Protein backbone atom coordinates (compact mmCIF):
# COMPACT_ATOMS: atom_id res chain seq x y z
CA ILE A 1 9.68 23.15 13.28
CA ASP A 2 7.47 21.35 10.78
CA PHE A 3 3.75 21.41 11.44
CA LYS A 4 1.01 19.29 9.97
CA PRO A 5 -1.96 21.10 8.42
CA GLY A 6 -4.47 21.91 11.15
CA GLU A 7 -2.05 21.16 13.99
CA ILE A 8 -2.14 24.70 15.38
CA VAL A 9 -5.01 26.83 14.08
CA ILE A 10 -6.04 30.17 15.58
CA LYS A 11 -9.23 32.02 14.66
CA VAL A 12 -9.52 35.71 15.53
CA LYS A 13 -12.22 38.35 15.23
CA LEU A 14 -11.35 41.96 14.45
CA GLU A 15 -13.83 44.55 15.69
CA MET A 16 -13.58 47.51 13.36
CA ALA A 17 -14.50 51.20 13.43
CA ILE A 18 -16.09 52.82 10.38
CA ASP A 19 -12.76 54.51 9.55
CA GLY A 20 -10.99 51.11 9.30
CA THR A 21 -9.37 51.26 12.72
CA VAL A 22 -9.02 47.91 14.49
CA ASN A 23 -10.68 48.53 17.86
CA ASN A 24 -10.33 45.05 19.31
CA VAL A 25 -8.87 41.65 18.46
CA ILE A 26 -10.51 38.63 20.06
CA VAL A 27 -9.13 35.10 19.89
CA LEU A 28 -12.23 33.03 19.14
CA LYS A 29 -11.02 29.49 18.75
CA THR A 30 -7.88 27.47 18.64
CA SER A 31 -7.22 23.92 17.65
CA LYS A 32 -6.03 21.39 20.17
CA TYR A 33 -2.26 21.20 20.21
CA SER A 34 0.28 19.18 22.11
CA GLN A 35 1.71 20.46 25.38
CA ASN A 36 5.18 20.86 23.81
CA HIS A 37 3.72 23.49 21.41
CA VAL A 38 2.38 25.85 24.10
CA GLY A 39 5.22 28.34 23.60
CA ILE A 40 4.80 28.35 19.82
CA TYR A 41 1.04 28.77 20.17
CA ASN A 42 1.43 31.73 22.55
CA THR A 43 4.02 33.40 20.30
CA LEU A 44 1.85 32.94 17.22
CA LYS A 45 -1.25 34.25 19.00
CA GLU A 46 0.55 37.33 20.29
CA SER A 47 2.06 37.97 16.84
CA LEU A 48 -1.34 37.76 15.15
CA VAL A 49 -2.91 40.20 17.59
CA ARG A 50 0.03 42.61 17.28
CA ALA A 51 -0.04 42.41 13.45
CA ALA A 52 -3.76 43.23 13.37
CA TYR A 53 -3.21 46.40 15.39
CA MET A 54 -0.13 47.35 13.35
CA ALA A 55 -2.13 47.04 10.10
CA SER A 56 -4.71 49.47 11.46
CA PRO A 57 -6.31 51.42 9.96
CA LEU A 58 -7.30 49.20 7.08
CA ILE A 59 -7.93 51.30 3.99
CA ASN A 60 -10.21 51.17 0.97
CA LEU A 61 -13.03 49.43 2.85
CA PRO A 62 -16.42 50.46 1.44
CA GLN A 63 -18.21 52.43 4.15
CA ASP A 64 -21.62 51.48 2.73
CA LYS A 65 -20.87 47.84 3.56
CA TYR A 66 -19.76 48.45 7.17
CA ASN A 67 -22.93 47.11 8.83
CA GLY A 68 -25.27 44.29 8.01
CA TYR A 69 -24.96 40.86 6.50
CA LYS A 70 -21.46 40.33 5.08
CA GLY A 71 -20.42 43.72 6.40
CA TRP A 72 -16.89 44.33 7.65
CA LYS A 73 -17.68 45.78 11.09
CA GLU A 74 -16.44 42.42 12.40
CA ILE A 75 -13.94 40.38 10.42
CA GLU A 76 -13.03 36.78 11.28
CA LEU A 77 -9.68 35.39 10.18
CA THR A 78 -8.25 31.89 10.53
CA PHE A 79 -4.51 31.22 10.68
CA ASP A 80 -2.88 27.81 10.38
CA ALA A 81 0.71 27.47 11.67
CA TYR A 82 1.38 25.03 8.85
CA SER A 83 0.70 27.68 6.22
CA LEU A 84 2.50 30.41 8.17
CA MET A 85 5.66 28.55 9.14
CA ASN A 86 6.24 25.85 6.51
CA VAL A 87 7.21 28.16 3.68
CA ASN A 88 9.69 26.68 1.24
C-alpha cells in the first residue's frame, strides 16, 4: 500500500527508568485516517509499542541527563507510515 506523507502518523511517549528500561508506552496522538486504513493503523500502533518494549533497556543514556529540561525520562517519538512503509 502506498501512503502519502502525513496520512497515518502516530506519536508515542516512552516513560523510562533511570537504567534505560521502558516502563510504559503511551500513544499520544494520531493523525486522521480513512476508515479503510483502520487495520493498518492498529497493526502499526501495536508494532510500535511492541518494538519499544523489545528495545528495552536502551543503553548509553547519560544518567546525569535523566531528569529536567531536555532529559530522557520521557521520550516522545513520531512515526509516519509513509516513511515506514514506502521504502524503495
